[in-house]
Amino acid sequence: MTLRSMNLDAFRATPLTREPFEFLAVPNFLNPEACAEINRDYPKIGESGSFPVAQLSFGPAFQNFLDEMASDEFRAAFAEKFDVDLTGRPHTITVRGRCSARDGRIHTDTKSKILTLLIYMNPEWEHAGGRLRLLKSNAGLDDPIMEVPPAAGTLLAFKRSDNSWHGHKPFEGERRVIQFNWVTSEGDRRIAMLRHHLSAKFKRLFGKTPEQPYA
């Protein structure tokens, strides 16, 4: 299929930073027209937390984008860039619409994740908080490798490692991000989706989510 939403040429042309872990950031990874359409059809999320797409309602442009991310061409581009074999690896997609003041603590992702892709969908971002920082260590947020404003169409991708530390300063309010992960096995995919399902259910029952990392 043709990946009309994405600028894969810009992705391929962006150098991969390899130390202290592998990552890259691509502003305008989404084509402006497609980005506007995806944002128009973005799920309506009134709560903080990360939600599996199966639990959400959204329009056709958003569904088309999900289909593009599930394509062989998309997989092949990231496998080549990060020099990792993704053949047969399942993926997860979760969506966030709001950030709470408790989110953003420093963390690495779980060991079941191979690559993490974050695609930000906020039309503009002028806040000091909520800007993801890739970090040299878990000692604090004030010595970042890179800070990534969550502006619409920006891609941040990194290979999960024991030192792929990231977090952000507090922000409370709307903050849209799509998170895509290739994971090690189908069992790990099911566990991740169950965890997100239970977190969303906890939120609906008690009005808050258990404390969790936030990208």
C-alpha atoms as a PDB file:
ATOM      1  CA  MET A   1       0.000   0.000   0.000  1.00  0.00           C
ATOM      2  CA  THR A   2       1.063   3.613  -0.519  1.00  0.00           C
ATOM      3  CA  LEU A   3       1.885   5.349   2.750  1.00  0.00           C
ATOM      4  CA  ARG A   4       0.293   8.691   1.866  1.00  0.00           C
ATOM      5  CA  SER A   5       0.288  10.044   5.428  1.00  0.00           C
ATOM      6  CA  MET A   6       4.030   9.801   5.982  1.00  0.00           C
ATOM      7  CA  ASN A   7       7.187  11.392   4.683  1.00  0.00           C
ATOM      8  CA  LEU A   8       9.354   8.274   4.630  1.00  0.00           C
ATOM      9  CA  ASP A   9      12.010  10.062   2.564  1.00  0.00           C
ATOM     10  CA  ALA A  10      12.573  12.473   5.453  1.00  0.00           C
ATOM     11  CA  PHE A  11      12.687   9.532   7.854  1.00  0.00           C
ATOM     12  CA  ARG A  12      15.268   7.675   5.749  1.00  0.00           C
ATOM     13  CA  ALA A  13      17.380  10.825   5.391  1.00  0.00           C
ATOM     14  CA  THR A  14      17.489  11.514   9.149  1.00  0.00           C
ATOM     15  CA  PRO A  15      20.690  10.170  10.735  1.00  0.00           C
ATOM     16  CA  LEU A  16      20.322   7.692  13.569  1.00  0.00           C
ATOM     17  CA  THR A  17      21.992   8.776  16.805  1.00  0.00           C
ATOM     18  CA  ARG A  18      23.622   5.685  18.338  1.00  0.00           C
ATOM     19  CA  GLU A  19      24.899   6.842  21.726  1.00  0.00           C
ATOM     20  CA  PRO A  20      24.001   6.523  24.541  1.00  0.00           C
ATOM     21  CA  PHE A  21      21.140   4.616  22.842  1.00  0.00           C
ATOM     22  CA  GLU A  22      19.702   4.555  19.332  1.00  0.00           C
ATOM     23  CA  PHE A  23      17.112   7.203  18.459  1.00  0.00           C
ATOM     24  CA  LEU A  24      15.993   9.765  15.922  1.00  0.00           C
ATOM     25  CA  ALA A  25      13.432  12.559  15.735  1.00  0.00           C
ATOM     26  CA  VAL A  26      11.708  13.658  12.531  1.00  0.00           C
ATOM     27  CA  PRO A  27       9.671  16.897  12.547  1.00  0.00           C
ATOM     28  CA  ASN A  28       6.927  16.886   9.897  1.00  0.00           C
ATOM     29  CA  PHE A  29       7.040  13.105   9.575  1.00  0.00           C
ATOM     30  CA  LEU A  30       3.341  13.353   8.758  1.00  0.00           C
ATOM     31  CA  ASN A  31       2.347  15.239   5.652  1.00  0.00           C
ATOM     32  CA  PRO A  32       0.452  18.409   6.670  1.00  0.00           C
ATOM     33  CA  GLU A  33      -2.823  17.561   4.904  1.00  0.00           C
ATOM     34  CA  ALA A  34      -2.858  14.008   6.262  1.00  0.00           C
ATOM     35  CA  CYS A  35      -1.909  15.253   9.724  1.00  0.00           C
ATOM     36  CA  ALA A  36      -4.901  17.612   9.754  1.00  0.00           C
ATOM     37  CA  GLU A  37      -7.214  14.790   8.649  1.00  0.00           C
ATOM     38  CA  ILE A  38      -5.872  12.393  11.300  1.00  0.00           C
ATOM     39  CA  ASN A  39      -6.291  15.054  13.968  1.00  0.00           C
ATOM     40  CA  ARG A  40      -9.851  15.703  12.808  1.00  0.00           C
ATOM     41  CA  ASP A  41     -10.655  11.998  13.246  1.00  0.00           C
ATOM     42  CA  TYR A  42      -8.585  11.548  16.422  1.00  0.00           C
ATOM     43  CA  PRO A  43     -10.337   9.666  19.251  1.00  0.00           C
ATOM     44  CA  LYS A  44     -12.152  11.829  21.777  1.00  0.00           C
ATOM     45  CA  ILE A  45     -10.322  11.113  25.043  1.00  0.00           C
ATOM     46  CA  GLY A  46     -11.333  13.052  28.124  1.00  0.00           C
ATOM     47  CA  GLU A  47      -9.119  11.212  30.609  1.00  0.00           C
ATOM     48  CA  SER A  48      -5.408  10.828  31.194  1.00  0.00           C
ATOM     49  CA  GLY A  49      -3.898   7.445  30.520  1.00  0.00           C
ATOM     50  CA  SER A  50      -2.979   5.240  27.595  1.00  0.00           C
ATOM     51  CA  PHE A  51      -5.789   3.502  25.706  1.00  0.00           C
ATOM     52  CA  PRO A  52      -5.606   0.576  23.249  1.00  0.00           C
ATOM     53  CA  VAL A  53      -7.138   1.538  19.917  1.00  0.00           C
ATOM     54  CA  ALA A  54      -9.631  -1.336  20.238  1.00  0.00           C
ATOM     55  CA  GLN A  55     -11.302   0.581  23.098  1.00  0.00           C
ATOM     56  CA  LEU A  56     -11.661   3.842  21.179  1.00  0.00           C
ATOM     57  CA  SER A  57     -13.904   5.332  18.526  1.00  0.00           C
ATOM     58  CA  PHE A  58     -12.420   7.405  15.714  1.00  0.00           C
ATOM     59  CA  GLY A  59     -12.926   8.456  12.116  1.00  0.00           C
ATOM     60  CA  PRO A  60     -11.704   6.989   8.811  1.00  0.00           C
ATOM     61  CA  ALA A  61      -8.547   9.081   8.432  1.00  0.00           C
ATOM     62  CA  PHE A  62      -7.305   7.843  11.794  1.00  0.00           C
ATOM     63  CA  GLN A  63      -8.105   4.253  10.799  1.00  0.00           C
ATOM     64  CA  ASN A  64      -6.234   4.687   7.520  1.00  0.00           C
ATOM     65  CA  PHE A  65      -3.192   5.841   9.469  1.00  0.00           C
ATOM     66  CA  LEU A  66      -3.390   2.789  11.740  1.00  0.00           C
ATOM     67  CA  ASP A  67      -3.498   0.603   8.637  1.00  0.00           C
ATOM     68  CA  GLU A  68      -0.418   2.314   7.215  1.00  0.00           C
ATOM     69  CA  MET A  69       1.526   1.688  10.425  1.00  0.00           C
ATOM     70  CA  ALA A  70       0.581  -2.006  10.265  1.00  0.00           C
ATOM     71  CA  SER A  71       1.936  -2.319   6.705  1.00  0.00           C
ATOM     72  CA  ASP A  72       4.997  -4.237   5.526  1.00  0.00           C
ATOM     73  CA  GLU A  73       6.512  -1.065   4.051  1.00  0.00           C
ATOM     74  CA  PHE A  74       6.346   0.725   7.388  1.00  0.00           C
ATOM     75  CA  ARG A  75       7.899  -2.269   9.175  1.00  0.00           C
ATOM     76  CA  ALA A  76      10.669  -2.574   6.588  1.00  0.00           C
ATOM     77  CA  ALA A  77      11.643   1.106   6.852  1.00  0.00           C
ATOM     78  CA  PHE A  78      12.174   0.896  10.608  1.00  0.00           C
ATOM     79  CA  ALA A  79      13.861  -2.495  10.461  1.00  0.00           C
ATOM     80  CA  GLU A  80      16.392  -1.089   7.992  1.00  0.00           C
ATOM     81  CA  LYS A  81      16.986   2.158   9.884  1.00  0.00           C
ATOM     82  CA  PHE A  82      17.557   0.458  13.245  1.00  0.00           C
ATOM     83  CA  ASP A  83      19.171  -2.659  11.739  1.00  0.00           C
ATOM     84  CA  VAL A  84      16.818  -4.968  13.608  1.00  0.00           C
ATOM     85  CA  ASP A  85      14.878  -7.988  12.367  1.00  0.00           C
ATOM     86  CA  LEU A  86      11.176  -7.305  12.862  1.00  0.00           C
ATOM     87  CA  THR A  87       9.992 -10.285  10.853  1.00  0.00           C
ATOM     88  CA  GLY A  88       6.994 -11.847  12.589  1.00  0.00           C
ATOM     89  CA  ARG A  89       7.149  -9.407  15.496  1.00  0.00           C
ATOM     90  CA  PRO A  90       3.710  -8.278  16.692  1.00  0.00           C
ATOM     91  CA  HIS A  91       2.959  -4.649  17.436  1.00  0.00           C
ATOM     92  CA  THR A  92       0.864  -2.622  19.855  1.00  0.00           C
ATOM     93  CA  ILE A  93      -0.777   0.762  19.327  1.00  0.00           C
ATOM     94  CA  THR A  94      -2.016   2.929  22.172  1.00  0.00           C
ATOM     95  CA  VAL A  95      -3.348   6.469  22.151  1.00  0.00           C
ATOM     96  CA  ARG A  96      -3.275   9.270  24.678  1.00  0.00           C
ATOM     97  CA  GLY A  97      -5.369  12.407  24.683  1.00  0.00           C
ATOM     98  CA  ARG A  98      -4.635  14.053  28.006  1.00  0.00           C
ATOM     99  CA  CYS A  99      -1.753  14.373  30.429  1.00  0.00           C
ATOM    100  CA  SER A 100      -2.024  14.540  34.201  1.00  0.00           C
ATOM    101  CA  ALA A 101       0.363  16.294  36.568  1.00  0.00           C
ATOM    102  CA  ARG A 102       1.536  12.857  37.766  1.00  0.00           C
ATOM    103  CA  ASP A 103       2.749  11.771  34.330  1.00  0.00           C
ATOM    104  CA  GLY A 104       6.237  12.112  32.903  1.00  0.00           C
ATOM    105  CA  ARG A 105       8.390  10.297  35.452  1.00  0.00           C
ATOM    106  CA  ILE A 106      11.777   9.098  34.216  1.00  0.00           C
ATOM    107  CA  HIS A 107      11.758   5.529  32.937  1.00  0.00           C
ATOM    108  CA  THR A 108      12.935   3.104  30.301  1.00  0.00           C
ATOM    109  CA  ASP A 109      10.333   1.029  28.510  1.00  0.00           C
ATOM    110  CA  THR A 110       9.637  -2.587  29.416  1.00  0.00           C
ATOM    111  CA  LYS A 111      12.056  -5.214  28.114  1.00  0.00           C
ATOM    112  CA  SER A 112       9.346  -6.744  25.923  1.00  0.00           C
ATOM    113  CA  LYS A 113       9.468  -3.679  23.646  1.00  0.00           C
ATOM    114  CA  ILE A 114      11.898  -3.644  20.730  1.00  0.00           C
ATOM    115  CA  LEU A 115      11.256  -0.233  19.178  1.00  0.00           C
ATOM    116  CA  THR A 116       9.128   2.613  20.513  1.00  0.00           C
ATOM    117  CA  LEU A 117       7.595   5.110  18.087  1.00  0.00           C
ATOM    118  CA  LEU A 118       5.862   8.248  19.348  1.00  0.00           C
ATOM    119  CA  ILE A 119       3.878  10.362  16.901  1.00  0.00           C
ATOM    120  CA  TYR A 120       2.717  13.642  18.383  1.00  0.00           C
ATOM    121  CA  MET A 121      -0.519  15.254  17.234  1.00  0.00           C
ATOM    122  CA  ASN A 122      -0.794  18.603  19.041  1.00  0.00           C
ATOM    123  CA  PRO A 123      -1.395  21.484  16.587  1.00  0.00           C
ATOM    124  CA  GLU A 124       1.022  23.697  18.526  1.00  0.00           C
ATOM    125  CA  TRP A 125       2.991  23.482  21.745  1.00  0.00           C
ATOM    126  CA  GLU A 126       4.088  26.523  23.707  1.00  0.00           C
ATOM    127  CA  HIS A 127       4.104  24.974  27.192  1.00  0.00           C
ATOM    128  CA  ALA A 128       7.340  24.477  29.109  1.00  0.00           C
ATOM    129  CA  GLY A 129       6.113  21.128  30.442  1.00  0.00           C
ATOM    130  CA  GLY A 130       5.167  18.048  28.458  1.00  0.00           C
ATOM    131  CA  ARG A 131       8.227  18.173  26.180  1.00  0.00           C
ATOM    132  CA  LEU A 132       9.754  14.698  26.152  1.00  0.00           C
ATOM    133  CA  ARG A 133      13.416  14.619  27.140  1.00  0.00           C
ATOM    134  CA  LEU A 134      15.786  11.837  26.174  1.00  0.00           C
ATOM    135  CA  LEU A 135      18.221  11.564  29.061  1.00  0.00           C
ATOM    136  CA  LYS A 136      21.821  10.565  29.738  1.00  0.00           C
ATOM    137  CA  SER A 137      20.807   8.859  32.988  1.00  0.00           C
ATOM    138  CA  ASN A 138      17.945   8.520  35.423  1.00  0.00           C
ATOM    139  CA  ALA A 139      19.479  11.139  37.734  1.00  0.00           C
ATOM    140  CA  GLY A 140      17.112  13.906  36.650  1.00  0.00           C
ATOM    141  CA  LEU A 141      15.520  15.862  33.827  1.00  0.00           C
ATOM    142  CA  ASP A 142      18.048  18.697  33.718  1.00  0.00           C
ATOM    143  CA  ASP A 143      20.768  17.030  31.616  1.00  0.00           C
ATOM    144  CA  PRO A 144      18.937  15.977  28.454  1.00  0.00           C
ATOM    145  CA  ILE A 145      20.346  14.604  25.225  1.00  0.00           C
ATOM    146  CA  MET A 146      17.401  16.043  23.334  1.00  0.00           C
ATOM    147  CA  GLU A 147      14.071  17.685  24.067  1.00  0.00           C
ATOM    148  CA  VAL A 148      11.183  16.969  21.693  1.00  0.00           C
ATOM    149  CA  PRO A 149       8.159  19.296  21.666  1.00  0.00           C
ATOM    150  CA  PRO A 150       5.021  17.217  21.044  1.00  0.00           C
ATOM    151  CA  ALA A 151       4.064  19.237  17.956  1.00  0.00           C
ATOM    152  CA  ALA A 152       1.761  17.817  15.304  1.00  0.00           C
ATOM    153  CA  GLY A 153       3.362  15.361  12.915  1.00  0.00           C
ATOM    154  CA  THR A 154       6.615  14.908  14.855  1.00  0.00           C
ATOM    155  CA  LEU A 155       8.023  11.393  15.104  1.00  0.00           C
ATOM    156  CA  LEU A 156      10.357  10.233  17.862  1.00  0.00           C
ATOM    157  CA  ALA A 157      11.633   6.663  17.581  1.00  0.00           C
ATOM    158  CA  PHE A 158      14.136   4.774  19.713  1.00  0.00           C
ATOM    159  CA  LYS A 159      15.386   1.279  20.351  1.00  0.00           C
ATOM    160  CA  ARG A 160      14.559   0.119  23.835  1.00  0.00           C
ATOM    161  CA  SER A 161      17.595  -0.512  26.037  1.00  0.00           C
ATOM    162  CA  ASP A 162      18.452  -0.572  29.717  1.00  0.00           C
ATOM    163  CA  ASN A 163      19.606   3.053  29.454  1.00  0.00           C
ATOM    164  CA  SER A 164      16.959   4.514  27.103  1.00  0.00           C
ATOM    165  CA  TRP A 165      15.873   6.933  29.824  1.00  0.00           C
ATOM    166  CA  HIS A 166      13.190   9.490  29.057  1.00  0.00           C
ATOM    167  CA  GLY A 167      10.623  11.646  30.826  1.00  0.00           C
ATOM    168  CA  HIS A 168       9.213  15.160  30.855  1.00  0.00           C
ATOM    169  CA  LYS A 169       8.421  18.057  33.149  1.00  0.00           C
ATOM    170  CA  PRO A 170       4.870  18.226  34.495  1.00  0.00           C
ATOM    171  CA  PHE A 171       1.978  19.288  32.332  1.00  0.00           C
ATOM    172  CA  GLU A 172      -1.756  18.939  32.813  1.00  0.00           C
ATOM    173  CA  GLY A 173      -4.180  19.166  29.903  1.00  0.00           C
ATOM    174  CA  GLU A 174      -4.656  17.945  26.361  1.00  0.00           C
ATOM    175  CA  ARG A 175      -1.578  16.233  24.955  1.00  0.00           C
ATOM    176  CA  ARG A 176      -2.095  13.964  21.976  1.00  0.00           C
ATOM    177  CA  VAL A 177       0.321  11.147  21.179  1.00  0.00           C
ATOM    178  CA  ILE A 178       0.091   7.848  19.315  1.00  0.00           C
ATOM    179  CA  GLN A 179       2.474   5.184  20.612  1.00  0.00           C
ATOM    180  CA  PHE A 180       3.464   2.273  18.370  1.00  0.00           C
ATOM    181  CA  ASN A 181       5.678  -0.568  19.605  1.00  0.00           C
ATOM    182  CA  TRP A 182       7.062  -3.698  18.072  1.00  0.00           C
ATOM    183  CA  VAL A 183       7.279  -6.279  20.852  1.00  0.00           C
ATOM    184  CA  THR A 184       9.125  -9.533  21.280  1.00  0.00           C
ATOM    185  CA  SER A 185       6.230 -12.011  21.164  1.00  0.00           C
ATOM    186  CA  GLU A 186       2.482 -12.435  20.874  1.00  0.00           C
ATOM    187  CA  GLY A 187       2.378 -13.261  24.573  1.00  0.00           C
ATOM    188  CA  ASP A 188       4.040  -9.947  25.380  1.00  0.00           C
ATOM    189  CA  ARG A 189       1.579  -8.140  23.112  1.00  0.00           C
ATOM    190  CA  ARG A 190      -1.369  -9.682  24.953  1.00  0.00           C
ATOM    191  CA  ILE A 191       0.095  -8.815  28.356  1.00  0.00           C
ATOM    192  CA  ALA A 192       0.656  -5.203  27.297  1.00  0.00           C
ATOM    193  CA  MET A 193      -2.885  -4.865  25.973  1.00  0.00           C
ATOM    194  CA  LEU A 194      -4.323  -6.436  29.122  1.00  0.00           C
ATOM    195  CA  ARG A 195      -2.360  -3.985  31.269  1.00  0.00           C
ATOM    196  CA  HIS A 196      -3.665  -1.015  29.289  1.00  0.00           C
ATOM    197  CA  HIS A 197      -7.207  -2.427  29.372  1.00  0.00           C
ATOM    198  CA  LEU A 198      -7.109  -2.793  33.155  1.00  0.00           C
ATOM    199  CA  SER A 199      -5.615   0.680  33.549  1.00  0.00           C
ATOM    200  CA  ALA A 200      -8.424   2.198  31.477  1.00  0.00           C
ATOM    201  CA  LYS A 201     -11.039   0.253  33.456  1.00  0.00           C
ATOM    202  CA  PHE A 202      -9.479   1.438  36.742  1.00  0.00           C
ATOM    203  CA  LYS A 203      -9.689   5.005  35.448  1.00  0.00           C
ATOM    204  CA  ARG A 204     -13.375   4.696  34.596  1.00  0.00           C
ATOM    205  CA  LEU A 205     -14.200   3.124  37.971  1.00  0.00           C
ATOM    206  CA  PHE A 206     -12.132   5.337  40.267  1.00  0.00           C
ATOM    207  CA  GLY A 207     -11.534   8.500  38.248  1.00  0.00           C
ATOM    208  CA  LYS A 208      -7.756   8.131  38.000  1.00  0.00           C
ATOM    209  CA  THR A 209      -5.205   5.774  36.551  1.00  0.00           C
ATOM    210  CA  PRO A 210      -2.525   3.956  38.527  1.00  0.00           C
ATOM    211  CA  GLU A 211       0.729   5.897  38.322  1.00  0.00           C
ATOM    212  CA  GLN A 212       2.421   5.053  35.028  1.00  0.00           C
ATOM    213  CA  PRO A 213       5.176   6.225  32.683  1.00  0.00           C
ATOM    214  CA  TYR A 214       4.254   8.719  30.032  1.00  0.00           C
ATOM    215  CA  ALA A 215       5.930   9.378  26.690  1.00  0.00           C
END
